[in-house]
N, C-alpha and C. Protein backbone atom coordinates (compact mmCIF):
# COMPACT_ATOMS: atom_id res chain seq x y z
N UNK A 1 32.73 -48.61 -38.23
CA UNK A 1 33.59 -47.69 -38.96
C UNK A 1 33.86 -46.44 -38.07
N UNK A 2 35.06 -45.91 -38.25
CA UNK A 2 35.36 -44.71 -37.50
C UNK A 2 34.91 -43.43 -38.26
N UNK A 3 35.09 -42.35 -37.63
CA UNK A 3 34.58 -41.02 -38.28
C UNK A 3 35.19 -40.81 -39.64
N UNK A 4 36.53 -41.02 -39.73
CA UNK A 4 37.20 -40.80 -41.05
C UNK A 4 36.63 -41.73 -42.09
N UNK A 5 36.41 -42.97 -41.82
CA UNK A 5 35.90 -43.86 -42.89
C UNK A 5 34.45 -43.51 -43.17
N UNK A 6 33.67 -43.07 -42.25
CA UNK A 6 32.28 -42.61 -42.61
C UNK A 6 32.34 -41.42 -43.52
N UNK A 7 33.18 -40.46 -43.17
CA UNK A 7 33.27 -39.24 -44.00
C UNK A 7 33.81 -39.54 -45.40
N UNK A 8 34.82 -40.43 -45.40
CA UNK A 8 35.41 -40.90 -46.72
C UNK A 8 34.32 -41.38 -47.64
N UNK A 9 33.49 -42.28 -47.04
CA UNK A 9 32.37 -42.92 -47.77
C UNK A 9 31.32 -41.87 -48.22
N UNK A 10 31.01 -40.99 -47.22
CA UNK A 10 29.93 -39.99 -47.53
C UNK A 10 30.39 -39.00 -48.64
N UNK A 11 31.70 -38.67 -48.59
CA UNK A 11 32.26 -37.66 -49.62
C UNK A 11 32.71 -38.36 -50.92
N UNK A 12 32.72 -39.70 -50.92
CA UNK A 12 33.28 -40.38 -52.08
C UNK A 12 34.74 -40.05 -52.33
N UNK A 13 35.45 -39.89 -51.16
CA UNK A 13 36.88 -39.59 -51.16
C UNK A 13 37.22 -38.33 -51.87
N UNK A 14 36.38 -37.28 -51.76
CA UNK A 14 36.64 -35.95 -52.31
C UNK A 14 36.38 -34.94 -51.25
N UNK A 15 37.03 -33.76 -51.37
CA UNK A 15 36.83 -32.64 -50.44
C UNK A 15 35.32 -32.31 -50.56
N UNK A 16 34.72 -32.17 -49.48
CA UNK A 16 33.26 -31.82 -49.40
C UNK A 16 32.99 -30.32 -49.80
N UNK A 17 34.06 -29.57 -49.87
CA UNK A 17 33.88 -28.14 -50.24
C UNK A 17 34.27 -27.85 -51.69
N UNK A 18 35.48 -28.33 -52.07
CA UNK A 18 35.94 -28.00 -53.47
C UNK A 18 36.02 -29.15 -54.36
N UNK A 19 35.87 -30.42 -53.89
CA UNK A 19 35.90 -31.55 -54.73
C UNK A 19 37.31 -32.15 -55.04
N UNK A 20 38.37 -31.56 -54.41
CA UNK A 20 39.75 -32.10 -54.61
C UNK A 20 39.82 -33.51 -54.07
N UNK A 21 40.72 -34.28 -54.60
CA UNK A 21 40.80 -35.72 -54.14
C UNK A 21 42.14 -36.02 -53.45
N UNK A 22 42.92 -35.02 -53.21
CA UNK A 22 44.27 -35.30 -52.52
C UNK A 22 44.33 -34.52 -51.23
N UNK A 23 45.16 -35.06 -50.33
CA UNK A 23 45.43 -34.46 -49.00
C UNK A 23 44.19 -34.23 -48.25
N UNK A 24 43.35 -35.23 -48.06
CA UNK A 24 42.05 -35.11 -47.41
C UNK A 24 42.14 -35.44 -45.88
N UNK A 25 41.44 -34.75 -45.09
CA UNK A 25 41.40 -35.09 -43.63
C UNK A 25 40.10 -34.63 -43.07
N UNK A 26 39.84 -35.11 -41.80
CA UNK A 26 38.64 -34.76 -41.07
C UNK A 26 38.84 -33.35 -40.53
N UNK A 27 37.78 -32.54 -40.64
CA UNK A 27 37.69 -31.15 -40.03
C UNK A 27 36.49 -31.06 -39.15
N UNK A 28 36.68 -30.82 -37.89
CA UNK A 28 35.56 -30.66 -36.91
C UNK A 28 35.03 -29.18 -37.17
N UNK A 29 33.75 -29.10 -37.45
CA UNK A 29 33.15 -27.84 -37.65
C UNK A 29 32.76 -27.21 -36.27
N UNK A 30 33.45 -26.13 -35.85
CA UNK A 30 33.18 -25.58 -34.54
C UNK A 30 31.82 -24.99 -34.43
N UNK A 31 31.25 -24.84 -33.20
CA UNK A 31 31.71 -25.48 -32.03
C UNK A 31 31.22 -26.94 -31.97
N UNK A 32 32.05 -27.92 -31.98
CA UNK A 32 31.71 -29.30 -31.99
C UNK A 32 31.65 -29.82 -30.57
N UNK A 33 30.49 -30.38 -30.23
CA UNK A 33 30.28 -30.91 -28.84
C UNK A 33 30.84 -32.35 -28.74
N UNK A 34 30.73 -33.06 -29.85
CA UNK A 34 31.33 -34.40 -29.89
C UNK A 34 31.88 -34.57 -31.27
N UNK A 35 32.87 -35.52 -31.42
CA UNK A 35 33.48 -35.72 -32.69
C UNK A 35 32.79 -36.82 -33.39
N UNK A 36 31.68 -36.46 -34.00
CA UNK A 36 30.90 -37.44 -34.74
C UNK A 36 30.81 -37.01 -36.19
N UNK A 37 30.57 -37.92 -37.12
CA UNK A 37 30.56 -37.61 -38.55
C UNK A 37 29.59 -36.46 -38.86
N UNK A 38 28.55 -36.33 -38.04
CA UNK A 38 27.54 -35.31 -38.24
C UNK A 38 28.13 -33.88 -38.01
N UNK A 39 29.20 -33.79 -37.20
CA UNK A 39 29.70 -32.44 -36.91
C UNK A 39 31.09 -32.23 -37.56
N UNK A 40 31.43 -33.08 -38.53
CA UNK A 40 32.66 -32.99 -39.24
C UNK A 40 32.51 -32.97 -40.72
N UNK A 41 33.47 -32.50 -41.42
CA UNK A 41 33.49 -32.57 -42.88
C UNK A 41 34.87 -33.13 -43.32
N UNK A 42 34.91 -33.63 -44.53
CA UNK A 42 36.13 -34.17 -45.14
C UNK A 42 36.59 -33.19 -46.15
N UNK A 43 37.78 -32.50 -45.83
CA UNK A 43 38.27 -31.48 -46.69
C UNK A 43 39.74 -31.59 -46.99
N UNK A 44 40.14 -30.95 -48.13
CA UNK A 44 41.53 -30.99 -48.53
C UNK A 44 42.34 -30.00 -47.74
N UNK A 45 43.63 -30.16 -47.81
CA UNK A 45 44.57 -29.24 -47.04
C UNK A 45 44.45 -27.77 -47.51
N UNK A 46 44.13 -27.58 -48.83
CA UNK A 46 44.00 -26.13 -49.27
C UNK A 46 42.79 -25.46 -48.57
N UNK A 47 41.70 -26.19 -48.53
CA UNK A 47 40.48 -25.57 -47.89
C UNK A 47 40.74 -25.43 -46.33
N UNK A 48 41.33 -26.37 -45.72
CA UNK A 48 41.67 -26.30 -44.30
C UNK A 48 42.54 -25.14 -43.99
N UNK A 49 43.58 -24.93 -44.87
CA UNK A 49 44.50 -23.78 -44.62
C UNK A 49 43.78 -22.47 -44.66
N UNK A 50 42.90 -22.32 -45.65
CA UNK A 50 42.17 -21.05 -45.83
C UNK A 50 41.19 -20.89 -44.66
N UNK A 51 40.54 -21.92 -44.25
CA UNK A 51 39.57 -21.79 -43.15
C UNK A 51 40.31 -21.42 -41.86
N UNK A 52 41.43 -22.05 -41.58
CA UNK A 52 42.15 -21.79 -40.35
C UNK A 52 42.95 -20.47 -40.36
N UNK A 53 43.33 -20.01 -41.61
CA UNK A 53 44.06 -18.78 -41.77
C UNK A 53 43.37 -17.86 -42.79
N UNK A 54 42.27 -17.14 -42.30
CA UNK A 54 41.47 -16.41 -43.24
C UNK A 54 42.19 -15.30 -43.99
N UNK A 55 43.40 -14.88 -43.50
CA UNK A 55 44.25 -13.86 -44.21
C UNK A 55 44.79 -14.42 -45.53
N UNK A 56 44.92 -15.78 -45.70
CA UNK A 56 45.49 -16.34 -46.86
C UNK A 56 44.49 -16.67 -47.90
N UNK A 57 43.38 -15.95 -47.85
CA UNK A 57 42.24 -16.39 -48.67
C UNK A 57 42.37 -16.09 -50.12
N UNK A 58 42.05 -17.10 -50.94
CA UNK A 58 42.00 -17.02 -52.37
C UNK A 58 40.60 -17.07 -52.81
N UNK A 59 40.01 -15.89 -53.09
CA UNK A 59 38.64 -15.77 -53.28
C UNK A 59 38.13 -16.65 -54.42
N UNK A 60 38.88 -16.81 -55.48
CA UNK A 60 38.41 -17.58 -56.62
C UNK A 60 38.40 -19.07 -56.27
N UNK A 61 39.18 -19.52 -55.36
CA UNK A 61 39.12 -20.95 -54.89
C UNK A 61 37.68 -21.26 -54.40
N UNK A 62 37.04 -20.26 -53.72
CA UNK A 62 35.76 -20.52 -53.10
C UNK A 62 34.60 -20.47 -54.05
N UNK A 63 34.82 -20.31 -55.37
CA UNK A 63 33.71 -20.36 -56.36
C UNK A 63 33.12 -21.76 -56.33
N UNK A 64 33.88 -22.76 -55.82
CA UNK A 64 33.37 -24.12 -55.78
C UNK A 64 32.20 -24.17 -54.82
N UNK A 65 32.00 -23.23 -53.92
CA UNK A 65 30.84 -23.29 -52.97
C UNK A 65 29.47 -23.14 -53.76
N UNK A 66 29.55 -22.71 -54.94
CA UNK A 66 28.33 -22.61 -55.82
C UNK A 66 27.71 -23.98 -55.91
N UNK A 67 28.48 -25.05 -55.87
CA UNK A 67 28.03 -26.39 -55.92
C UNK A 67 27.88 -27.02 -54.52
N UNK A 68 28.89 -26.87 -53.70
CA UNK A 68 28.84 -27.57 -52.35
C UNK A 68 27.88 -27.03 -51.39
N UNK A 69 27.43 -25.82 -51.60
CA UNK A 69 26.44 -25.23 -50.70
C UNK A 69 25.13 -25.94 -50.72
N UNK A 70 24.89 -26.74 -51.79
CA UNK A 70 23.64 -27.47 -51.95
C UNK A 70 23.71 -28.84 -51.37
N UNK A 71 24.79 -29.13 -50.66
CA UNK A 71 24.96 -30.38 -50.00
C UNK A 71 23.79 -30.61 -48.96
N UNK A 72 23.38 -31.91 -48.80
CA UNK A 72 22.36 -32.22 -47.81
C UNK A 72 22.96 -32.40 -46.44
N UNK A 73 24.24 -32.28 -46.36
CA UNK A 73 24.94 -32.45 -45.02
C UNK A 73 25.01 -31.13 -44.32
N UNK A 74 24.42 -31.00 -43.13
CA UNK A 74 24.36 -29.73 -42.38
C UNK A 74 25.76 -29.13 -42.10
N UNK A 75 26.77 -30.07 -41.79
CA UNK A 75 28.11 -29.48 -41.47
C UNK A 75 28.73 -28.83 -42.79
N UNK A 76 28.52 -29.38 -43.95
CA UNK A 76 28.93 -28.78 -45.21
C UNK A 76 28.15 -27.41 -45.41
N UNK A 77 26.94 -27.40 -45.21
CA UNK A 77 26.10 -26.21 -45.33
C UNK A 77 26.64 -25.06 -44.41
N UNK A 78 26.94 -25.48 -43.14
CA UNK A 78 27.40 -24.47 -42.19
C UNK A 78 28.74 -23.89 -42.67
N UNK A 79 29.67 -24.65 -43.14
CA UNK A 79 30.94 -24.17 -43.52
C UNK A 79 30.81 -23.32 -44.81
N UNK A 80 29.95 -23.70 -45.73
CA UNK A 80 29.72 -22.92 -46.94
C UNK A 80 29.15 -21.57 -46.54
N UNK A 81 28.19 -21.57 -45.67
CA UNK A 81 27.55 -20.33 -45.17
C UNK A 81 28.58 -19.44 -44.61
N UNK A 82 29.45 -20.01 -43.68
CA UNK A 82 30.47 -19.16 -42.97
C UNK A 82 31.45 -18.56 -43.94
N UNK A 83 31.90 -19.33 -44.91
CA UNK A 83 32.91 -18.84 -45.88
C UNK A 83 32.24 -17.80 -46.75
N UNK A 84 31.03 -17.99 -47.25
CA UNK A 84 30.34 -17.00 -48.08
C UNK A 84 30.07 -15.71 -47.30
N UNK A 85 29.76 -15.89 -46.00
CA UNK A 85 29.50 -14.68 -45.21
C UNK A 85 30.78 -13.90 -45.00
N UNK A 86 31.89 -14.63 -44.83
CA UNK A 86 33.22 -13.92 -44.70
C UNK A 86 33.58 -13.16 -45.96
N UNK A 87 33.16 -13.70 -47.09
CA UNK A 87 33.51 -13.09 -48.38
C UNK A 87 32.42 -12.21 -49.00
N UNK A 88 31.32 -11.97 -48.30
CA UNK A 88 30.15 -11.34 -48.91
C UNK A 88 30.40 -9.99 -49.57
N UNK A 89 31.46 -9.25 -49.17
CA UNK A 89 31.74 -7.98 -49.74
C UNK A 89 32.18 -8.09 -51.22
N UNK A 90 32.53 -9.29 -51.60
CA UNK A 90 33.02 -9.44 -53.04
C UNK A 90 31.90 -9.43 -54.05
N UNK A 91 30.66 -9.48 -53.59
CA UNK A 91 29.60 -9.48 -54.54
C UNK A 91 28.95 -10.85 -54.79
N UNK A 92 29.68 -11.65 -55.51
CA UNK A 92 29.07 -12.93 -55.92
C UNK A 92 28.80 -13.87 -54.64
N UNK A 93 29.62 -13.80 -53.65
CA UNK A 93 29.23 -14.62 -52.38
C UNK A 93 27.90 -14.22 -51.84
N UNK A 94 27.58 -12.90 -51.87
CA UNK A 94 26.34 -12.39 -51.30
C UNK A 94 25.19 -12.99 -52.16
N UNK A 95 25.35 -13.03 -53.43
CA UNK A 95 24.27 -13.63 -54.34
C UNK A 95 24.06 -15.07 -53.90
N UNK A 96 25.11 -15.80 -53.67
CA UNK A 96 24.99 -17.19 -53.25
C UNK A 96 24.34 -17.35 -51.87
N UNK A 97 24.64 -16.45 -50.95
CA UNK A 97 24.09 -16.45 -49.65
C UNK A 97 22.53 -16.17 -49.77
N UNK A 98 22.20 -15.30 -50.65
CA UNK A 98 20.75 -14.96 -50.84
C UNK A 98 19.98 -16.24 -51.29
N UNK A 99 20.62 -17.13 -51.92
CA UNK A 99 19.98 -18.39 -52.45
C UNK A 99 20.02 -19.46 -51.46
N UNK A 100 21.01 -19.47 -50.55
CA UNK A 100 21.19 -20.52 -49.64
C UNK A 100 20.11 -20.56 -48.51
N UNK A 101 19.46 -21.70 -48.26
CA UNK A 101 18.56 -21.83 -47.27
C UNK A 101 19.12 -22.80 -46.19
N UNK A 102 19.09 -22.38 -44.92
CA UNK A 102 19.45 -23.25 -43.82
C UNK A 102 18.28 -23.32 -42.81
N UNK A 103 17.97 -24.51 -42.36
CA UNK A 103 16.92 -24.57 -41.37
C UNK A 103 17.36 -23.88 -40.10
N UNK A 104 16.50 -23.65 -39.13
CA UNK A 104 16.79 -22.89 -38.01
C UNK A 104 17.96 -23.37 -37.16
N UNK A 105 17.96 -24.76 -36.96
CA UNK A 105 19.07 -25.23 -36.16
C UNK A 105 20.43 -25.16 -36.88
N UNK A 106 20.47 -25.36 -38.16
CA UNK A 106 21.63 -25.27 -38.92
C UNK A 106 22.14 -23.80 -39.01
N UNK A 107 21.29 -22.85 -39.13
CA UNK A 107 21.57 -21.44 -39.16
C UNK A 107 22.18 -21.01 -37.78
N UNK A 108 21.57 -21.50 -36.77
CA UNK A 108 22.10 -21.26 -35.39
C UNK A 108 23.47 -21.78 -35.23
N UNK A 109 23.75 -22.97 -35.72
CA UNK A 109 25.10 -23.53 -35.69
C UNK A 109 26.06 -22.72 -36.53
N UNK A 110 25.61 -22.27 -37.66
CA UNK A 110 26.52 -21.45 -38.57
C UNK A 110 26.79 -20.17 -37.94
N UNK A 111 25.90 -19.51 -37.19
CA UNK A 111 26.15 -18.23 -36.58
C UNK A 111 26.89 -18.31 -35.24
N UNK A 112 27.12 -19.53 -34.74
CA UNK A 112 27.70 -19.77 -33.40
C UNK A 112 29.16 -19.22 -33.28
N UNK A 113 29.82 -19.00 -34.35
CA UNK A 113 31.24 -18.48 -34.35
C UNK A 113 31.23 -16.96 -34.62
N UNK A 114 30.08 -16.34 -34.83
CA UNK A 114 30.04 -14.86 -34.99
C UNK A 114 30.44 -14.39 -36.40
N UNK A 115 30.49 -15.29 -37.39
CA UNK A 115 30.80 -14.95 -38.75
C UNK A 115 29.86 -13.86 -39.33
N UNK A 116 28.62 -13.88 -38.85
CA UNK A 116 27.66 -12.97 -39.42
C UNK A 116 27.79 -11.54 -38.90
N UNK A 117 28.63 -11.36 -37.95
CA UNK A 117 28.80 -10.07 -37.36
C UNK A 117 29.75 -9.22 -38.23
N UNK A 118 29.43 -7.95 -38.51
CA UNK A 118 30.28 -7.11 -39.22
C UNK A 118 31.24 -6.43 -38.14
N UNK A 119 32.24 -5.75 -38.67
CA UNK A 119 33.13 -5.05 -37.75
C UNK A 119 32.43 -4.04 -36.86
N UNK A 120 31.32 -3.44 -37.44
CA UNK A 120 30.62 -2.47 -36.63
C UNK A 120 29.83 -3.14 -35.47
N UNK A 121 29.39 -4.42 -35.71
CA UNK A 121 28.59 -5.13 -34.74
C UNK A 121 29.38 -5.58 -33.54
N UNK A 122 30.66 -5.82 -33.73
CA UNK A 122 31.50 -6.41 -32.70
C UNK A 122 31.88 -5.30 -31.66
N UNK A 123 31.63 -5.53 -30.40
CA UNK A 123 32.03 -4.56 -29.39
C UNK A 123 33.51 -4.57 -29.21
N UNK A 124 34.16 -3.38 -29.35
CA UNK A 124 35.61 -3.27 -29.16
C UNK A 124 35.89 -2.33 -27.96
N UNK A 125 36.78 -2.83 -27.13
CA UNK A 125 37.22 -2.01 -25.96
C UNK A 125 38.51 -1.37 -26.31
N UNK A 126 38.63 -0.08 -26.30
CA UNK A 126 39.91 0.60 -26.58
C UNK A 126 40.29 1.51 -25.38
N UNK A 127 41.55 1.70 -25.31
CA UNK A 127 42.05 2.55 -24.12
C UNK A 127 42.00 4.05 -24.54
N UNK A 128 42.55 4.85 -23.69
CA UNK A 128 42.55 6.31 -23.95
C UNK A 128 43.29 6.69 -25.26
N UNK A 129 44.15 5.90 -25.73
CA UNK A 129 44.96 6.18 -27.03
C UNK A 129 44.38 5.41 -28.21
N UNK A 130 43.34 4.71 -28.03
CA UNK A 130 42.71 3.99 -29.03
C UNK A 130 43.27 2.60 -29.35
N UNK A 131 44.12 2.16 -28.41
CA UNK A 131 44.69 0.77 -28.51
C UNK A 131 43.67 -0.26 -28.15
N UNK A 132 43.51 -1.28 -28.91
CA UNK A 132 42.49 -2.37 -28.64
C UNK A 132 42.91 -3.13 -27.37
N UNK A 133 41.89 -3.25 -26.50
CA UNK A 133 42.10 -3.98 -25.24
C UNK A 133 41.55 -5.37 -25.35
N UNK A 134 42.23 -6.44 -24.77
CA UNK A 134 41.74 -7.77 -24.77
C UNK A 134 41.72 -8.26 -23.37
N UNK A 135 40.92 -9.24 -23.12
CA UNK A 135 40.88 -9.85 -21.80
C UNK A 135 42.22 -10.37 -21.46
N UNK A 136 42.68 -10.13 -20.18
CA UNK A 136 43.93 -10.56 -19.73
C UNK A 136 45.09 -9.57 -19.88
N UNK A 137 44.83 -8.43 -20.58
CA UNK A 137 45.80 -7.39 -20.73
C UNK A 137 46.09 -6.69 -19.40
N UNK A 138 47.20 -6.00 -19.36
CA UNK A 138 47.55 -5.15 -18.31
C UNK A 138 47.40 -3.69 -18.67
N UNK A 139 46.73 -2.86 -17.85
CA UNK A 139 46.51 -1.47 -18.15
C UNK A 139 47.05 -0.66 -16.98
N UNK A 140 47.38 0.67 -17.28
CA UNK A 140 47.77 1.58 -16.23
C UNK A 140 46.77 2.68 -16.18
N UNK A 141 46.44 3.08 -14.97
CA UNK A 141 45.53 4.23 -14.77
C UNK A 141 46.21 5.50 -15.16
N UNK A 142 45.50 6.48 -15.84
CA UNK A 142 46.08 7.70 -16.29
C UNK A 142 45.74 8.87 -15.36
N UNK A 143 44.87 8.59 -14.44
CA UNK A 143 44.49 9.66 -13.44
C UNK A 143 44.03 8.99 -12.14
N UNK A 144 44.01 9.67 -11.05
CA UNK A 144 43.50 9.21 -9.85
C UNK A 144 41.96 9.01 -9.90
N UNK A 145 41.50 7.91 -9.43
CA UNK A 145 40.08 7.59 -9.53
C UNK A 145 39.52 7.30 -8.15
N UNK A 146 38.49 7.98 -7.74
CA UNK A 146 37.78 7.69 -6.53
C UNK A 146 36.92 6.41 -6.74
N UNK A 147 37.15 5.38 -5.90
CA UNK A 147 36.38 4.15 -6.09
C UNK A 147 35.18 4.29 -5.13
N UNK A 148 33.97 4.33 -5.75
CA UNK A 148 32.78 4.47 -4.97
C UNK A 148 32.52 3.19 -4.23
N UNK A 149 32.11 3.28 -2.97
CA UNK A 149 31.77 2.13 -2.11
C UNK A 149 32.89 1.41 -1.52
N UNK A 150 34.17 1.73 -1.91
CA UNK A 150 35.31 1.05 -1.39
C UNK A 150 36.24 1.93 -0.52
N UNK A 151 35.85 3.16 -0.49
CA UNK A 151 36.56 4.21 0.33
C UNK A 151 38.05 4.27 0.12
N UNK A 152 38.46 4.21 -1.14
CA UNK A 152 39.90 4.48 -1.47
C UNK A 152 40.00 5.12 -2.84
N UNK A 153 41.21 5.64 -3.08
CA UNK A 153 41.39 6.22 -4.35
C UNK A 153 42.49 5.42 -5.12
N UNK A 154 42.15 5.02 -6.31
CA UNK A 154 43.08 4.24 -7.17
C UNK A 154 43.95 5.33 -7.81
N UNK A 155 45.24 5.25 -7.48
CA UNK A 155 46.23 6.19 -7.90
C UNK A 155 46.64 6.20 -9.34
N UNK A 156 46.94 7.29 -9.92
CA UNK A 156 47.50 7.37 -11.28
C UNK A 156 48.78 6.52 -11.34
N UNK A 157 48.93 5.75 -12.39
CA UNK A 157 50.14 4.94 -12.57
C UNK A 157 50.00 3.56 -12.05
N UNK A 158 48.85 3.23 -11.33
CA UNK A 158 48.58 1.91 -10.85
C UNK A 158 48.34 0.93 -12.02
N UNK A 159 49.10 -0.18 -11.98
CA UNK A 159 48.97 -1.20 -12.98
C UNK A 159 47.80 -2.19 -12.53
N UNK A 160 46.89 -2.40 -13.56
CA UNK A 160 45.79 -3.34 -13.34
C UNK A 160 46.08 -4.55 -14.26
N UNK A 161 46.41 -5.74 -13.64
CA UNK A 161 46.74 -6.85 -14.44
C UNK A 161 45.56 -7.73 -14.69
N UNK A 162 45.51 -8.48 -15.80
CA UNK A 162 44.49 -9.49 -16.02
C UNK A 162 43.11 -8.92 -16.08
N UNK A 163 42.92 -7.86 -16.88
CA UNK A 163 41.58 -7.26 -16.92
C UNK A 163 40.60 -8.17 -17.59
N UNK A 164 39.38 -7.94 -17.38
CA UNK A 164 38.25 -8.63 -18.16
C UNK A 164 37.42 -7.60 -18.80
N UNK A 165 36.83 -7.94 -19.88
CA UNK A 165 36.02 -6.96 -20.70
C UNK A 165 34.56 -7.16 -20.26
N UNK A 166 33.79 -6.05 -20.22
CA UNK A 166 32.32 -6.08 -19.97
C UNK A 166 31.76 -6.30 -21.33
N UNK A 167 31.09 -7.46 -21.52
CA UNK A 167 30.65 -7.87 -22.84
C UNK A 167 29.69 -6.95 -23.53
N UNK A 168 28.87 -6.29 -22.81
CA UNK A 168 27.82 -5.47 -23.47
C UNK A 168 28.14 -3.94 -23.42
N UNK A 169 29.25 -3.54 -22.87
CA UNK A 169 29.65 -2.13 -22.75
C UNK A 169 31.08 -1.87 -23.16
N UNK A 170 31.34 -1.24 -24.34
CA UNK A 170 32.69 -1.06 -24.75
C UNK A 170 33.49 -0.01 -23.96
N UNK A 171 32.79 0.68 -23.06
CA UNK A 171 33.43 1.68 -22.24
C UNK A 171 33.89 1.25 -20.91
N UNK A 172 33.57 -0.05 -20.57
CA UNK A 172 33.85 -0.62 -19.22
C UNK A 172 34.74 -1.79 -19.28
N UNK A 173 35.69 -1.91 -18.39
CA UNK A 173 36.46 -3.14 -18.14
C UNK A 173 36.46 -3.33 -16.68
N UNK A 174 36.86 -4.53 -16.27
CA UNK A 174 36.96 -4.85 -14.83
C UNK A 174 38.39 -5.27 -14.53
N UNK A 175 38.76 -5.01 -13.30
CA UNK A 175 40.12 -5.45 -12.79
C UNK A 175 40.20 -5.29 -11.32
N UNK A 176 41.31 -5.80 -10.75
CA UNK A 176 41.63 -5.74 -9.32
C UNK A 176 42.52 -4.57 -9.01
N UNK A 177 42.05 -3.76 -8.10
CA UNK A 177 42.89 -2.68 -7.54
C UNK A 177 42.84 -2.76 -6.10
N UNK A 178 44.04 -2.87 -5.38
CA UNK A 178 44.14 -2.97 -4.02
C UNK A 178 43.25 -4.12 -3.46
N UNK A 179 43.21 -5.26 -4.20
CA UNK A 179 42.51 -6.44 -3.78
C UNK A 179 41.01 -6.42 -4.08
N UNK A 180 40.51 -5.35 -4.61
CA UNK A 180 39.04 -5.30 -4.84
C UNK A 180 38.76 -5.27 -6.34
N UNK A 181 37.78 -5.99 -6.82
CA UNK A 181 37.42 -5.98 -8.14
C UNK A 181 36.50 -4.79 -8.44
N UNK A 182 36.98 -4.02 -9.36
CA UNK A 182 36.16 -2.74 -9.72
C UNK A 182 35.95 -2.63 -11.18
N UNK A 183 35.08 -1.79 -11.60
CA UNK A 183 34.82 -1.39 -12.97
C UNK A 183 35.57 -0.16 -13.30
N UNK A 184 36.28 -0.18 -14.38
CA UNK A 184 37.00 1.00 -14.78
C UNK A 184 36.52 1.49 -16.14
N UNK A 185 36.52 2.79 -16.34
CA UNK A 185 36.23 3.27 -17.67
C UNK A 185 37.45 3.26 -18.57
N UNK A 186 37.26 2.80 -19.78
CA UNK A 186 38.35 2.64 -20.72
C UNK A 186 39.10 3.97 -21.06
N UNK A 187 38.37 5.04 -20.92
CA UNK A 187 39.00 6.36 -21.21
C UNK A 187 40.02 6.77 -20.13
N UNK A 188 40.02 6.11 -19.01
CA UNK A 188 40.90 6.43 -17.90
C UNK A 188 42.12 5.39 -17.79
N UNK A 189 42.29 4.53 -18.76
CA UNK A 189 43.34 3.58 -18.73
C UNK A 189 44.17 3.56 -20.01
N UNK A 190 45.39 3.13 -19.88
CA UNK A 190 46.36 3.06 -21.02
C UNK A 190 46.90 1.62 -20.99
N UNK A 191 46.88 1.02 -22.20
CA UNK A 191 47.39 -0.43 -22.32
C UNK A 191 48.84 -0.40 -22.07
N UNK A 192 49.31 -1.32 -21.26
CA UNK A 192 50.71 -1.51 -20.99
C UNK A 192 51.33 -2.50 -21.99
N UNK A 193 52.58 -2.28 -22.40
CA UNK A 193 53.19 -3.17 -23.37
C UNK A 193 53.84 -4.36 -22.64
């Protein structure tokens, strides 16, 4: 049997999250290392759409997790945990999360996408104007900077293309200036459009 047939049999041809019986398809629960039935769930198009586009969320749709979170299938437990975590500010999802038990490996899998991190926990790199910086952006220097150890000055107005973010420090980014990779302070750069 292929993965879809295994999931169809496991779910009794119903969405493993909400119980719908139409428009069902295989969904790989990220991060999936291989496409096996153990790392996939069988869900309807409504659940898939909301999972893939969190802004389209219908909070009441997810009341179905009150039942599906008790599934014995780790992939279903992981998705239930992630969705409830995303919605925890609504009140009732937090109550369900408090009841939900995941073994250590399943919890590690559930947290692999960072759903448990609040906005305050996520490191954000912002330029001198408060614009959010992302890896690959182009920035412009807003003042002359002496580059220690390289014996040159990076001039104001210099464009630094393809920056990378320093993961553990929101005040630092890296980029190439005059062929050398240097660390720049975010307060001295402005994001280019």
